[in-house]
Amino acid sequence: MFSPGSIDYAGALSRNFIAGRGLSVDAQATWRSVLAPHLDGAARILDVGSGAGRFSALFASWFRSFVVGLEPAAAMRDAARAMATSHVAYLGGRAEQLPFRTATFDAAFLSNVFHHLREP
């Protein structure tokens, strides 16, 4: 059974994560059309559990937003930073204890995160 915190995202997993989790052009179009009604116009978006940054970079481009990716695994943040633009920043932290003031962001996004939370 899966246990939160049991996956070590350092090393090879972080380096190969994007290859295994990449989004096709069609998948990107679907995500964009589904999220646009919720994120279009959001000046600041928080990508919680951003991993290697696959959504963070897209959000910055699609919605012309400043995006902060919050990710606890240092190796995943490093992989994300390799693809980051000037409108994306990555910080260490956990969803259970957000290191931001209330109303810092206009929207928050989580994908494939809940199973990692110790106390969702």
PDB file of N, CA and C in Angstrom:
ATOM      1  N   MET A   1       0.839  -1.183   0.000  1.00  0.00           N
ATOM      2  CA  MET A   1       0.000   0.000   0.000  1.00  0.00           C
ATOM      3  C   MET A   1       0.884   1.247   0.000  1.00  0.00           C
ATOM      4  N   PHE A   2       0.460   2.253  -0.715  1.00  0.00           N
ATOM      5  CA  PHE A   2       1.212   3.507  -0.794  1.00  0.00           C
ATOM      6  C   PHE A   2       1.144   4.245   0.532  1.00  0.00           C
ATOM      7  N   SER A   3       2.259   4.810   0.909  1.00  0.00           N
ATOM      8  CA  SER A   3       2.329   5.612   2.130  1.00  0.00           C
ATOM      9  C   SER A   3       2.882   6.985   1.773  1.00  0.00           C
ATOM     10  N   PRO A   4       2.191   8.075   2.166  1.00  0.00           N
ATOM     11  CA  PRO A   4       2.721   9.416   1.878  1.00  0.00           C
ATOM     12  C   PRO A   4       4.161   9.554   2.360  1.00  0.00           C
ATOM     13  N   GLY A   5       4.992  10.125   1.521  1.00  0.00           N
ATOM     14  CA  GLY A   5       6.396  10.317   1.855  1.00  0.00           C
ATOM     15  C   GLY A   5       7.278   9.146   1.475  1.00  0.00           C
ATOM     16  N   SER A   6       6.692   8.068   0.929  1.00  0.00           N
ATOM     17  CA  SER A   6       7.483   6.876   0.629  1.00  0.00           C
ATOM     18  C   SER A   6       8.228   6.947  -0.701  1.00  0.00           C
ATOM     19  N   ILE A   7       7.891   7.888  -1.553  1.00  0.00           N
ATOM     20  CA  ILE A   7       8.565   8.007  -2.845  1.00  0.00           C
ATOM     21  C   ILE A   7       9.717   8.996  -2.727  1.00  0.00           C
ATOM     22  N   ASP A   8      10.881   8.551  -3.143  1.00  0.00           N
ATOM     23  CA  ASP A   8      12.057   9.411  -3.125  1.00  0.00           C
ATOM     24  C   ASP A   8      12.231  10.008  -4.522  1.00  0.00           C
ATOM     25  N   TYR A   9      11.972  11.297  -4.639  1.00  0.00           N
ATOM     26  CA  TYR A   9      12.032  11.951  -5.941  1.00  0.00           C
ATOM     27  C   TYR A   9      13.426  12.456  -6.300  1.00  0.00           C
ATOM     28  N   ALA A  10      14.434  12.060  -5.570  1.00  0.00           N
ATOM     29  CA  ALA A  10      15.804  12.467  -5.892  1.00  0.00           C
ATOM     30  C   ALA A  10      16.354  11.566  -6.997  1.00  0.00           C
ATOM     31  N   GLY A  11      17.394  12.017  -7.628  1.00  0.00           N
ATOM     32  CA  GLY A  11      18.102  11.196  -8.597  1.00  0.00           C
ATOM     33  C   GLY A  11      17.362  10.948  -9.890  1.00  0.00           C
ATOM     34  N   ALA A  12      17.394   9.686 -10.344  1.00  0.00           N
ATOM     35  CA  ALA A  12      16.863   9.329 -11.659  1.00  0.00           C
ATOM     36  C   ALA A  12      15.388   9.662 -11.810  1.00  0.00           C
ATOM     37  N   LEU A  13      14.607   9.509 -10.767  1.00  0.00           N
ATOM     38  CA  LEU A  13      13.175   9.794 -10.882  1.00  0.00           C
ATOM     39  C   LEU A  13      12.939  11.251 -11.249  1.00  0.00           C
ATOM     40  N   SER A  14      13.650  12.160 -10.613  1.00  0.00           N
ATOM     41  CA  SER A  14      13.459  13.578 -10.931  1.00  0.00           C
ATOM     42  C   SER A  14      13.940  13.901 -12.346  1.00  0.00           C
ATOM     43  N   ARG A  15      15.015  13.260 -12.779  1.00  0.00           N
ATOM     44  CA  ARG A  15      15.553  13.532 -14.114  1.00  0.00           C
ATOM     45  C   ARG A  15      14.636  13.004 -15.218  1.00  0.00           C
ATOM     46  N   ASN A  16      13.924  11.929 -14.955  1.00  0.00           N
ATOM     47  CA  ASN A  16      13.089  11.297 -15.976  1.00  0.00           C
ATOM     48  C   ASN A  16      11.600  11.568 -15.804  1.00  0.00           C
ATOM     49  N   PHE A  17      11.245  12.341 -14.813  1.00  0.00           N
ATOM     50  CA  PHE A  17       9.839  12.569 -14.494  1.00  0.00           C
ATOM     51  C   PHE A  17       9.083  13.207 -15.652  1.00  0.00           C
ATOM     52  N   ILE A  18       9.639  14.246 -16.239  1.00  0.00           N
ATOM     53  CA  ILE A  18       8.960  14.948 -17.330  1.00  0.00           C
ATOM     54  C   ILE A  18       8.762  14.022 -18.532  1.00  0.00           C
ATOM     55  N   ALA A  19       9.740  13.195 -18.843  1.00  0.00           N
ATOM     56  CA  ALA A  19       9.596  12.285 -19.983  1.00  0.00           C
ATOM     57  C   ALA A  19       8.404  11.357 -19.788  1.00  0.00           C
ATOM     58  N   GLY A  20       8.188  10.914 -18.578  1.00  0.00           N
ATOM     59  CA  GLY A  20       7.077  10.018 -18.292  1.00  0.00           C
ATOM     60  C   GLY A  20       5.760  10.726 -18.059  1.00  0.00           C
ATOM     61  N   ARG A  21       5.802  12.001 -17.768  1.00  0.00           N
ATOM     62  CA  ARG A  21       4.592  12.765 -17.467  1.00  0.00           C
ATOM     63  C   ARG A  21       4.343  13.898 -18.458  1.00  0.00           C
ATOM     64  N   GLY A  22       5.016  13.863 -19.575  1.00  0.00           N
ATOM     65  CA  GLY A  22       4.821  14.912 -20.568  1.00  0.00           C
ATOM     66  C   GLY A  22       3.390  14.936 -21.085  1.00  0.00           C
ATOM     67  N   LEU A  23       2.978  16.063 -21.602  1.00  0.00           N
ATOM     68  CA  LEU A  23       1.622  16.219 -22.119  1.00  0.00           C
ATOM     69  C   LEU A  23       1.661  16.402 -23.632  1.00  0.00           C
ATOM     70  N   SER A  24       0.883  15.610 -24.334  1.00  0.00           N
ATOM     71  CA  SER A  24       0.792  15.763 -25.783  1.00  0.00           C
ATOM     72  C   SER A  24       0.144  17.108 -26.109  1.00  0.00           C
ATOM     73  N   VAL A  25       0.235  17.508 -27.354  1.00  0.00           N
ATOM     74  CA  VAL A  25      -0.388  18.763 -27.791  1.00  0.00           C
ATOM     75  C   VAL A  25      -1.895  18.710 -27.534  1.00  0.00           C
ATOM     76  N   ASP A  26      -2.514  17.569 -27.813  1.00  0.00           N
ATOM     77  CA  ASP A  26      -3.955  17.428 -27.569  1.00  0.00           C
ATOM     78  C   ASP A  26      -4.285  17.509 -26.084  1.00  0.00           C
ATOM     79  N   ALA A  27      -3.465  16.867 -25.252  1.00  0.00           N
ATOM     80  CA  ALA A  27      -3.694  16.924 -23.807  1.00  0.00           C
ATOM     81  C   ALA A  27      -3.532  18.351 -23.295  1.00  0.00           C
ATOM     82  N   GLN A  28      -2.532  19.060 -23.797  1.00  0.00           N
ATOM     83  CA  GLN A  28      -2.353  20.460 -23.392  1.00  0.00           C
ATOM     84  C   GLN A  28      -3.570  21.294 -23.768  1.00  0.00           C
ATOM     85  N   ALA A  29      -4.095  21.076 -24.959  1.00  0.00           N
ATOM     86  CA  ALA A  29      -5.273  21.830 -25.404  1.00  0.00           C
ATOM     87  C   ALA A  29      -6.475  21.530 -24.516  1.00  0.00           C
ATOM     88  N   THR A  30      -6.619  20.275 -24.122  1.00  0.00           N
ATOM     89  CA  THR A  30      -7.729  19.907 -23.238  1.00  0.00           C
ATOM     90  C   THR A  30      -7.583  20.572 -21.881  1.00  0.00           C
ATOM     91  N   TRP A  31      -6.384  20.469 -21.286  1.00  0.00           N
ATOM     92  CA  TRP A  31      -6.153  21.109 -19.988  1.00  0.00           C
ATOM     93  C   TRP A  31      -6.420  22.608 -20.074  1.00  0.00           C
ATOM     94  N   ARG A  32      -5.927  23.231 -21.121  1.00  0.00           N
ATOM     95  CA  ARG A  32      -6.104  24.686 -21.253  1.00  0.00           C
ATOM     96  C   ARG A  32      -7.583  25.050 -21.341  1.00  0.00           C
ATOM     97  N   SER A  33      -8.345  24.325 -22.135  1.00  0.00           N
ATOM     98  CA  SER A  33      -9.765  24.663 -22.281  1.00  0.00           C
ATOM     99  C   SER A  33     -10.543  24.414 -20.995  1.00  0.00           C
ATOM    100  N   VAL A  34     -10.163  23.396 -20.247  1.00  0.00           N
ATOM    101  CA  VAL A  34     -10.842  23.101 -18.979  1.00  0.00           C
ATOM    102  C   VAL A  34     -10.486  24.132 -17.912  1.00  0.00           C
ATOM    103  N   LEU A  35      -9.231  24.552 -17.873  1.00  0.00           N
ATOM    104  CA  LEU A  35      -8.773  25.461 -16.817  1.00  0.00           C
ATOM    105  C   LEU A  35      -8.990  26.939 -17.120  1.00  0.00           C
ATOM    106  N   ALA A  36      -9.088  27.294 -18.380  1.00  0.00           N
ATOM    107  CA  ALA A  36      -9.207  28.712 -18.753  1.00  0.00           C
ATOM    108  C   ALA A  36     -10.333  29.447 -18.026  1.00  0.00           C
ATOM    109  N   PRO A  37     -11.515  28.869 -17.881  1.00  0.00           N
ATOM    110  CA  PRO A  37     -12.568  29.607 -17.172  1.00  0.00           C
ATOM    111  C   PRO A  37     -12.220  29.912 -15.713  1.00  0.00           C
ATOM    112  N   HIS A  38     -11.297  29.142 -15.155  1.00  0.00           N
ATOM    113  CA  HIS A  38     -10.936  29.304 -13.748  1.00  0.00           C
ATOM    114  C   HIS A  38      -9.648  30.097 -13.539  1.00  0.00           C
ATOM    115  N   LEU A  39      -8.725  30.006 -14.486  1.00  0.00           N
ATOM    116  CA  LEU A  39      -7.406  30.622 -14.297  1.00  0.00           C
ATOM    117  C   LEU A  39      -7.141  31.836 -15.182  1.00  0.00           C
ATOM    118  N   ASP A  40      -7.906  31.994 -16.249  1.00  0.00           N
ATOM    119  CA  ASP A  40      -7.701  33.151 -17.117  1.00  0.00           C
ATOM    120  C   ASP A  40      -7.981  34.427 -16.328  1.00  0.00           C
ATOM    121  N   GLY A  41      -7.039  35.332 -16.316  1.00  0.00           N
ATOM    122  CA  GLY A  41      -7.172  36.569 -15.553  1.00  0.00           C
ATOM    123  C   GLY A  41      -6.534  36.505 -14.175  1.00  0.00           C
ATOM    124  N   ALA A  42      -6.067  35.321 -13.778  1.00  0.00           N
ATOM    125  CA  ALA A  42      -5.388  35.188 -12.487  1.00  0.00           C
ATOM    126  C   ALA A  42      -3.966  35.725 -12.635  1.00  0.00           C
ATOM    127  N   ALA A  43      -3.644  36.781 -11.916  1.00  0.00           N
ATOM    128  CA  ALA A  43      -2.311  37.382 -12.020  1.00  0.00           C
ATOM    129  C   ALA A  43      -1.249  36.516 -11.359  1.00  0.00           C
ATOM    130  N   ARG A  44      -1.636  35.825 -10.274  1.00  0.00           N
ATOM    131  CA  ARG A  44      -0.693  34.992  -9.520  1.00  0.00           C
ATOM    132  C   ARG A  44      -1.333  33.625  -9.272  1.00  0.00           C
ATOM    133  N   ILE A  45      -0.649  32.586  -9.727  1.00  0.00           N
ATOM    134  CA  ILE A  45      -1.143  31.216  -9.570  1.00  0.00           C
ATOM    135  C   ILE A  45      -0.143  30.425  -8.741  1.00  0.00           C
ATOM    136  N   LEU A  46      -0.642  29.671  -7.781  1.00  0.00           N
ATOM    137  CA  LEU A  46       0.178  28.766  -6.984  1.00  0.00           C
ATOM    138  C   LEU A  46      -0.031  27.351  -7.516  1.00  0.00           C
ATOM    139  N   ASP A  47       1.058  26.703  -7.918  1.00  0.00           N
ATOM    140  CA  ASP A  47       1.027  25.319  -8.386  1.00  0.00           C
ATOM    141  C   ASP A  47       1.551  24.461  -7.241  1.00  0.00           C
ATOM    142  N   VAL A  48       0.633  23.874  -6.480  1.00  0.00           N
ATOM    143  CA  VAL A  48       0.985  23.112  -5.274  1.00  0.00           C
ATOM    144  C   VAL A  48       1.412  21.699  -5.676  1.00  0.00           C
ATOM    145  N   GLY A  49       2.591  21.293  -5.213  1.00  0.00           N
ATOM    146  CA  GLY A  49       3.130  20.000  -5.613  1.00  0.00           C
ATOM    147  C   GLY A  49       3.501  20.025  -7.083  1.00  0.00           C
ATOM    148  N   SER A  50       4.235  21.055  -7.451  1.00  0.00           N
ATOM    149  CA  SER A  50       4.517  21.343  -8.864  1.00  0.00           C
ATOM    150  C   SER A  50       5.423  20.329  -9.541  1.00  0.00           C
ATOM    151  N   GLY A  51       6.072  19.477  -8.773  1.00  0.00           N
ATOM    152  CA  GLY A  51       6.942  18.475  -9.382  1.00  0.00           C
ATOM    153  C   GLY A  51       8.004  19.115 -10.251  1.00  0.00           C
ATOM    154  N   ALA A  52       8.143  18.601 -11.462  1.00  0.00           N
ATOM    155  CA  ALA A  52       9.162  19.100 -12.389  1.00  0.00           C
ATOM    156  C   ALA A  52       8.665  20.270 -13.226  1.00  0.00           C
ATOM    157  N   GLY A  53       7.530  20.834 -12.867  1.00  0.00           N
ATOM    158  CA  GLY A  53       7.088  22.086 -13.466  1.00  0.00           C
ATOM    159  C   GLY A  53       6.299  22.009 -14.756  1.00  0.00           C
ATOM    160  N   ARG A  54       5.762  20.846 -15.085  1.00  0.00           N
ATOM    161  CA  ARG A  54       5.073  20.740 -16.379  1.00  0.00           C
ATOM    162  C   ARG A  54       3.884  21.676 -16.493  1.00  0.00           C
ATOM    163  N   PHE A  55       3.124  21.883 -15.414  1.00  0.00           N
ATOM    164  CA  PHE A  55       1.987  22.796 -15.488  1.00  0.00           C
ATOM    165  C   PHE A  55       2.391  24.244 -15.229  1.00  0.00           C
ATOM    166  N   SER A  56       3.343  24.476 -14.361  1.00  0.00           N
ATOM    167  CA  SER A  56       3.744  25.850 -14.019  1.00  0.00           C
ATOM    168  C   SER A  56       4.121  26.656 -15.254  1.00  0.00           C
ATOM    169  N   ALA A  57       4.985  26.093 -16.072  1.00  0.00           N
ATOM    170  CA  ALA A  57       5.433  26.797 -17.279  1.00  0.00           C
ATOM    171  C   ALA A  57       4.277  27.033 -18.247  1.00  0.00           C
ATOM    172  N   LEU A  58       3.398  26.046 -18.368  1.00  0.00           N
ATOM    173  CA  LEU A  58       2.244  26.204 -19.256  1.00  0.00           C
ATOM    174  C   LEU A  58       1.315  27.305 -18.762  1.00  0.00           C
ATOM    175  N   PHE A  59       1.048  27.332 -17.459  1.00  0.00           N
ATOM    176  CA  PHE A  59       0.156  28.360 -16.906  1.00  0.00           C
ATOM    177  C   PHE A  59       0.702  29.758 -17.161  1.00  0.00           C
ATOM    178  N   ALA A  60       2.000  29.924 -16.961  1.00  0.00           N
ATOM    179  CA  ALA A  60       2.613  31.241 -17.183  1.00  0.00           C
ATOM    180  C   ALA A  60       2.418  31.679 -18.630  1.00  0.00           C
ATOM    181  N   SER A  61       2.560  30.747 -19.541  1.00  0.00           N
ATOM    182  CA  SER A  61       2.406  31.047 -20.961  1.00  0.00           C
ATOM    183  C   SER A  61       0.938  31.248 -21.347  1.00  0.00           C
ATOM    184  N   TRP A  62       0.100  30.323 -20.966  1.00  0.00           N
ATOM    185  CA  TRP A  62      -1.313  30.377 -21.363  1.00  0.00           C
ATOM    186  C   TRP A  62      -2.059  31.576 -20.800  1.00  0.00           C
ATOM    187  N   PHE A  63      -1.851  31.830 -19.504  1.00  0.00           N
ATOM    188  CA  PHE A  63      -2.676  32.817 -18.808  1.00  0.00           C
ATOM    189  C   PHE A  63      -1.939  34.116 -18.504  1.00  0.00           C
ATOM    190  N   ARG A  64      -0.694  34.211 -18.989  1.00  0.00           N
ATOM    191  CA  ARG A  64       0.132  35.404 -18.758  1.00  0.00           C
ATOM    192  C   ARG A  64       0.160  35.764 -17.274  1.00  0.00           C
ATOM    193  N   SER A  65       0.375  34.742 -16.473  1.00  0.00           N
ATOM    194  CA  SER A  65       0.375  34.877 -15.018  1.00  0.00           C
ATOM    195  C   SER A  65       1.784  34.696 -14.483  1.00  0.00           C
ATOM    196  N   PHE A  66       1.997  35.160 -13.248  1.00  0.00           N
ATOM    197  CA  PHE A  66       3.208  34.801 -12.523  1.00  0.00           C
ATOM    198  C   PHE A  66       2.849  33.556 -11.727  1.00  0.00           C
ATOM    199  N   VAL A  67       3.643  32.513 -11.862  1.00  0.00           N
ATOM    200  CA  VAL A  67       3.339  31.231 -11.236  1.00  0.00           C
ATOM    201  C   VAL A  67       4.429  30.874 -10.233  1.00  0.00           C
ATOM    202  N   VAL A  68       4.006  30.443  -9.053  1.00  0.00           N
ATOM    203  CA  VAL A  68       4.929  29.913  -8.054  1.00  0.00           C
ATOM    204  C   VAL A  68       4.639  28.430  -7.918  1.00  0.00           C
ATOM    205  N   GLY A  69       5.654  27.619  -8.173  1.00  0.00           N
ATOM    206  CA  GLY A  69       5.549  26.184  -7.965  1.00  0.00           C
ATOM    207  C   GLY A  69       6.054  25.862  -6.573  1.00  0.00           C
ATOM    208  N   LEU A  70       5.221  25.226  -5.781  1.00  0.00           N
ATOM    209  CA  LEU A  70       5.596  24.814  -4.428  1.00  0.00           C
ATOM    210  C   LEU A  70       5.832  23.312  -4.455  1.00  0.00           C
ATOM    211  N   GLU A  71       7.044  22.896  -4.139  1.00  0.00           N
ATOM    212  CA  GLU A  71       7.427  21.491  -4.268  1.00  0.00           C
ATOM    213  C   GLU A  71       8.384  21.113  -3.142  1.00  0.00           C
ATOM    214  N   PRO A  72       8.079  20.027  -2.394  1.00  0.00           N
ATOM    215  CA  PRO A  72       8.956  19.646  -1.287  1.00  0.00           C
ATOM    216  C   PRO A  72      10.267  18.980  -1.716  1.00  0.00           C
ATOM    217  N   ALA A  73      10.295  18.337  -2.879  1.00  0.00           N
ATOM    218  CA  ALA A  73      11.486  17.594  -3.306  1.00  0.00           C
ATOM    219  C   ALA A  73      12.469  18.506  -4.045  1.00  0.00           C
ATOM    220  N   ALA A  74      13.642  18.676  -3.463  1.00  0.00           N
ATOM    221  CA  ALA A  74      14.656  19.569  -4.042  1.00  0.00           C
ATOM    222  C   ALA A  74      15.045  19.158  -5.458  1.00  0.00           C
ATOM    223  N   ALA A  75      15.183  17.862  -5.711  1.00  0.00           N
ATOM    224  CA  ALA A  75      15.574  17.404  -7.047  1.00  0.00           C
ATOM    225  C   ALA A  75      14.500  17.734  -8.082  1.00  0.00           C
ATOM    226  N   MET A  76      13.243  17.669  -7.685  1.00  0.00           N
ATOM    227  CA  MET A  76      12.156  18.022  -8.607  1.00  0.00           C
ATOM    228  C   MET A  76      12.168  19.526  -8.883  1.00  0.00           C
ATOM    229  N   ARG A  77      12.418  20.320  -7.847  1.00  0.00           N
ATOM    230  CA  ARG A  77      12.516  21.779  -8.054  1.00  0.00           C
ATOM    231  C   ARG A  77      13.657  22.102  -9.003  1.00  0.00           C
ATOM    232  N   ASP A  78      14.780  21.425  -8.849  1.00  0.00           N
ATOM    233  CA  ASP A  78      15.923  21.656  -9.740  1.00  0.00           C
ATOM    234  C   ASP A  78      15.563  21.317 -11.186  1.00  0.00           C
ATOM    235  N   ALA A  79      14.855  20.207 -11.389  1.00  0.00           N
ATOM    236  CA  ALA A  79      14.425  19.832 -12.742  1.00  0.00           C
ATOM    237  C   ALA A  79      13.472  20.885 -13.302  1.00  0.00           C
ATOM    238  N   ALA A  80      12.589  21.395 -12.467  1.00  0.00           N
ATOM    239  CA  ALA A  80      11.631  22.423 -12.904  1.00  0.00           C
ATOM    240  C   ALA A  80      12.342  23.719 -13.263  1.00  0.00           C
ATOM    241  N   ARG A  81      13.304  24.095 -12.464  1.00  0.00           N
ATOM    242  CA  ARG A  81      14.029  25.356 -12.716  1.00  0.00           C
ATOM    243  C   ARG A  81      14.763  25.325 -14.053  1.00  0.00           C
ATOM    244  N   ALA A  82      15.135  24.144 -14.499  1.00  0.00           N
ATOM    245  CA  ALA A  82      15.832  24.027 -15.782  1.00  0.00           C
ATOM    246  C   ALA A  82      14.934  24.440 -16.945  1.00  0.00           C
ATOM    247  N   MET A  83      13.609  24.400 -16.746  1.00  0.00           N
ATOM    248  CA  MET A  83      12.662  24.773 -17.804  1.00  0.00           C
ATOM    249  C   MET A  83      11.955  26.097 -17.512  1.00  0.00           C
ATOM    250  N   ALA A  84      12.246  26.705 -16.392  1.00  0.00           N
ATOM    251  CA  ALA A  84      11.495  27.885 -15.948  1.00  0.00           C
ATOM    252  C   ALA A  84      11.748  29.107 -16.823  1.00  0.00           C
ATOM    253  N   THR A  85      10.737  29.938 -16.889  1.00  0.00           N
ATOM    254  CA  THR A  85      10.847  31.233 -17.556  1.00  0.00           C
ATOM    255  C   THR A  85      10.891  32.312 -16.479  1.00  0.00           C
ATOM    256  N   SER A  86      10.964  33.549 -16.893  1.00  0.00           N
ATOM    257  CA  SER A  86      11.021  34.644 -15.919  1.00  0.00           C
ATOM    258  C   SER A  86       9.707  34.819 -15.163  1.00  0.00           C
ATOM    259  N   HIS A  87       8.648  34.165 -15.614  1.00  0.00           N
ATOM    260  CA  HIS A  87       7.346  34.295 -14.955  1.00  0.00           C
ATOM    261  C   HIS A  87       7.013  33.112 -14.056  1.00  0.00           C
ATOM    262  N   VAL A  88       8.030  32.299 -13.747  1.00  0.00           N
ATOM    263  CA  VAL A  88       7.831  31.128 -12.895  1.00  0.00           C
ATOM    264  C   VAL A  88       8.950  31.078 -11.864  1.00  0.00           C
ATOM    265  N   ALA A  89       8.574  30.802 -10.621  1.00  0.00           N
ATOM    266  CA  ALA A  89       9.555  30.614  -9.546  1.00  0.00           C
ATOM    267  C   ALA A  89       9.194  29.336  -8.798  1.00  0.00           C
ATOM    268  N   TYR A  90      10.198  28.662  -8.257  1.00  0.00           N
ATOM    269  CA  TYR A  90       9.959  27.429  -7.512  1.00  0.00           C
ATOM    270  C   TYR A  90      10.498  27.578  -6.101  1.00  0.00           C
ATOM    271  N   LEU A  91       9.681  27.164  -5.154  1.00  0.00           N
ATOM    272  CA  LEU A  91      10.037  27.242  -3.741  1.00  0.00           C
ATOM    273  C   LEU A  91       9.816  25.890  -3.081  1.00  0.00           C
ATOM    274  N   GLY A  92      10.601  25.631  -2.039  1.00  0.00           N
ATOM    275  CA  GLY A  92      10.402  24.424  -1.256  1.00  0.00           C
ATOM    276  C   GLY A  92       9.271  24.618  -0.264  1.00  0.00           C
ATOM    277  N   GLY A  93       8.492  23.590  -0.078  1.00  0.00           N
ATOM    278  CA  GLY A  93       7.399  23.656   0.886  1.00  0.00           C
ATOM    279  C   GLY A  93       6.397  22.552   0.643  1.00  0.00           C
ATOM    280  N   ARG A  94       5.494  22.397   1.607  1.00  0.00           N
ATOM    281  CA  ARG A  94       4.487  21.336   1.553  1.00  0.00           C
ATOM    282  C   ARG A  94       3.084  21.925   1.526  1.00  0.00           C
ATOM    283  N   ALA A  95       2.187  21.216   0.895  1.00  0.00           N
ATOM    284  CA  ALA A  95       0.787  21.647   0.790  1.00  0.00           C
ATOM    285  C   ALA A  95       0.139  21.782   2.161  1.00  0.00           C
ATOM    286  N   GLU A  96       0.544  20.942   3.095  1.00  0.00           N
ATOM    287  CA  GLU A  96      -0.061  20.961   4.430  1.00  0.00           C
ATOM    288  C   GLU A  96       0.327  22.193   5.239  1.00  0.00           C
ATOM    289  N   GLN A  97       1.350  22.882   4.816  1.00  0.00           N
ATOM    290  CA  GLN A  97       1.826  24.047   5.560  1.00  0.00           C
ATOM    291  C   GLN A  97       2.313  25.099   4.559  1.00  0.00           C
ATOM    292  N   LEU A  98       1.367  25.787   3.939  1.00  0.00           N
ATOM    293  CA  LEU A  98       1.716  26.769   2.915  1.00  0.00           C
ATOM    294  C   LEU A  98       2.473  27.947   3.524  1.00  0.00           C
ATOM    295  N   PRO A  99       3.624  28.300   2.949  1.00  0.00           N
ATOM    296  CA  PRO A  99       4.446  29.386   3.502  1.00  0.00           C
ATOM    297  C   PRO A  99       4.097  30.763   2.929  1.00  0.00           C
ATOM    298  N   PHE A 100       2.805  31.024   2.759  1.00  0.00           N
ATOM    299  CA  PHE A 100       2.368  32.289   2.162  1.00  0.00           C
ATOM    300  C   PHE A 100       1.267  32.916   3.000  1.00  0.00           C
ATOM    301  N   ARG A 101       1.150  34.230   2.902  1.00  0.00           N
ATOM    302  CA  ARG A 101       0.050  34.930   3.553  1.00  0.00           C
ATOM    303  C   ARG A 101      -1.255  34.650   2.811  1.00  0.00           C
ATOM    304  N   THR A 102      -2.348  34.789   3.507  1.00  0.00           N
ATOM    305  CA  THR A 102      -3.665  34.658   2.893  1.00  0.00           C
ATOM    306  C   THR A 102      -3.796  35.651   1.746  1.00  0.00           C
ATOM    307  N   ALA A 103      -4.412  35.225   0.667  1.00  0.00           N
ATOM    308  CA  ALA A 103      -4.694  36.048  -0.515  1.00  0.00           C
ATOM    309  C   ALA A 103      -3.436  36.456  -1.293  1.00  0.00           C
ATOM    310  N   THR A 104      -2.348  35.722  -1.123  1.00  0.00           N
ATOM    311  CA  THR A 104      -1.146  35.982  -1.917  1.00  0.00           C
ATOM    312  C   THR A 104      -1.387  35.624  -3.384  1.00  0.00           C
ATOM    313  N   PHE A 105      -2.218  34.620  -3.619  1.00  0.00           N
ATOM    314  CA  PHE A 105      -2.472  34.126  -4.975  1.00  0.00           C
ATOM    315  C   PHE A 105      -3.937  34.296  -5.348  1.00  0.00           C
ATOM    316  N   ASP A 106      -4.168  34.420  -6.648  1.00  0.00           N
ATOM    317  CA  ASP A 106      -5.530  34.513  -7.171  1.00  0.00           C
ATOM    318  C   ASP A 106      -6.140  33.134  -7.384  1.00  0.00           C
ATOM    319  N   ALA A 107      -5.295  32.127  -7.565  1.00  0.00           N
ATOM    320  CA  ALA A 107      -5.764  30.767  -7.802  1.00  0.00           C
ATOM    321  C   ALA A 107      -4.680  29.784  -7.369  1.00  0.00           C
ATOM    322  N   ALA A 108      -5.117  28.578  -7.037  1.00  0.00           N
ATOM    323  CA  ALA A 108      -4.189  27.497  -6.701  1.00  0.00           C
ATOM    324  C   ALA A 108      -4.577  26.264  -7.508  1.00  0.00           C
ATOM    325  N   PHE A 109      -3.580  25.481  -7.874  1.00  0.00           N
ATOM    326  CA  PHE A 109      -3.790  24.288  -8.689  1.00  0.00           C
ATOM    327  C   PHE A 109      -3.039  23.130  -8.057  1.00  0.00           C
ATOM    328  N   LEU A 110      -3.670  21.960  -8.031  1.00  0.00           N
ATOM    329  CA  LEU A 110      -3.031  20.732  -7.567  1.00  0.00           C
ATOM    330  C   LEU A 110      -3.332  19.629  -8.567  1.00  0.00           C
ATOM    331  N   SER A 111      -2.340  18.861  -8.939  1.00  0.00           N
ATOM    332  CA  SER A 111      -2.544  17.702  -9.800  1.00  0.00           C
ATOM    333  C   SER A 111      -1.677  16.566  -9.281  1.00  0.00           C
ATOM    334  N   ASN A 112      -2.292  15.433  -9.040  1.00  0.00           N
ATOM    335  CA  ASN A 112      -1.575  14.255  -8.522  1.00  0.00           C
ATOM    336  C   ASN A 112      -0.846  14.565  -7.223  1.00  0.00           C
ATOM    337  N   VAL A 113      -1.540  15.210  -6.307  1.00  0.00           N
ATOM    338  CA  VAL A 113      -0.929  15.630  -5.048  1.00  0.00           C
ATOM    339  C   VAL A 113      -1.565  14.953  -3.834  1.00  0.00           C
ATOM    340  N   PHE A 114      -2.870  14.790  -3.828  1.00  0.00           N
ATOM    341  CA  PHE A 114      -3.571  14.365  -2.617  1.00  0.00           C
ATOM    342  C   PHE A 114      -3.049  13.063  -2.026  1.00  0.00           C
ATOM    343  N   HIS A 115      -2.633  12.129  -2.835  1.00  0.00           N
ATOM    344  CA  HIS A 115      -2.130  10.859  -2.309  1.00  0.00           C
ATOM    345  C   HIS A 115      -0.779  11.015  -1.603  1.00  0.00           C
ATOM    346  N   HIS A 116      -0.139  12.169  -1.743  1.00  0.00           N
ATOM    347  CA  HIS A 116       1.122  12.431  -1.047  1.00  0.00           C
ATOM    348  C   HIS A 116       0.918  13.125   0.299  1.00  0.00           C
ATOM    349  N   LEU A 117      -0.268  13.609   0.561  1.00  0.00           N
ATOM    350  CA  LEU A 117      -0.518  14.385   1.774  1.00  0.00           C
ATOM    351  C   LEU A 117      -0.686  13.474   2.980  1.00  0.00           C
ATOM    352  N   ARG A 118      -0.032  13.843   4.050  1.00  0.00           N
ATOM    353  CA  ARG A 118      -0.157  13.064   5.283  1.00  0.00           C
ATOM    354  C   ARG A 118      -1.491  13.335   5.974  1.00  0.00           C
ATOM    355  N   GLU A 119      -1.966  14.563   5.860  1.00  0.00           N
ATOM    356  CA  GLU A 119      -3.245  14.946   6.467  1.00  0.00           C
ATOM    357  C   GLU A 119      -4.029  15.827   5.499  1.00  0.00           C
ATOM    358  N   PRO A 120      -4.649  15.213   4.480  1.00  0.00           N
ATOM    359  CA  PRO A 120      -5.370  16.034   3.502  1.00  0.00           C
ATOM    360  C   PRO A 120      -6.554  16.652   4.154  1.00  0.00           C
TER     361      PRO A 120
END
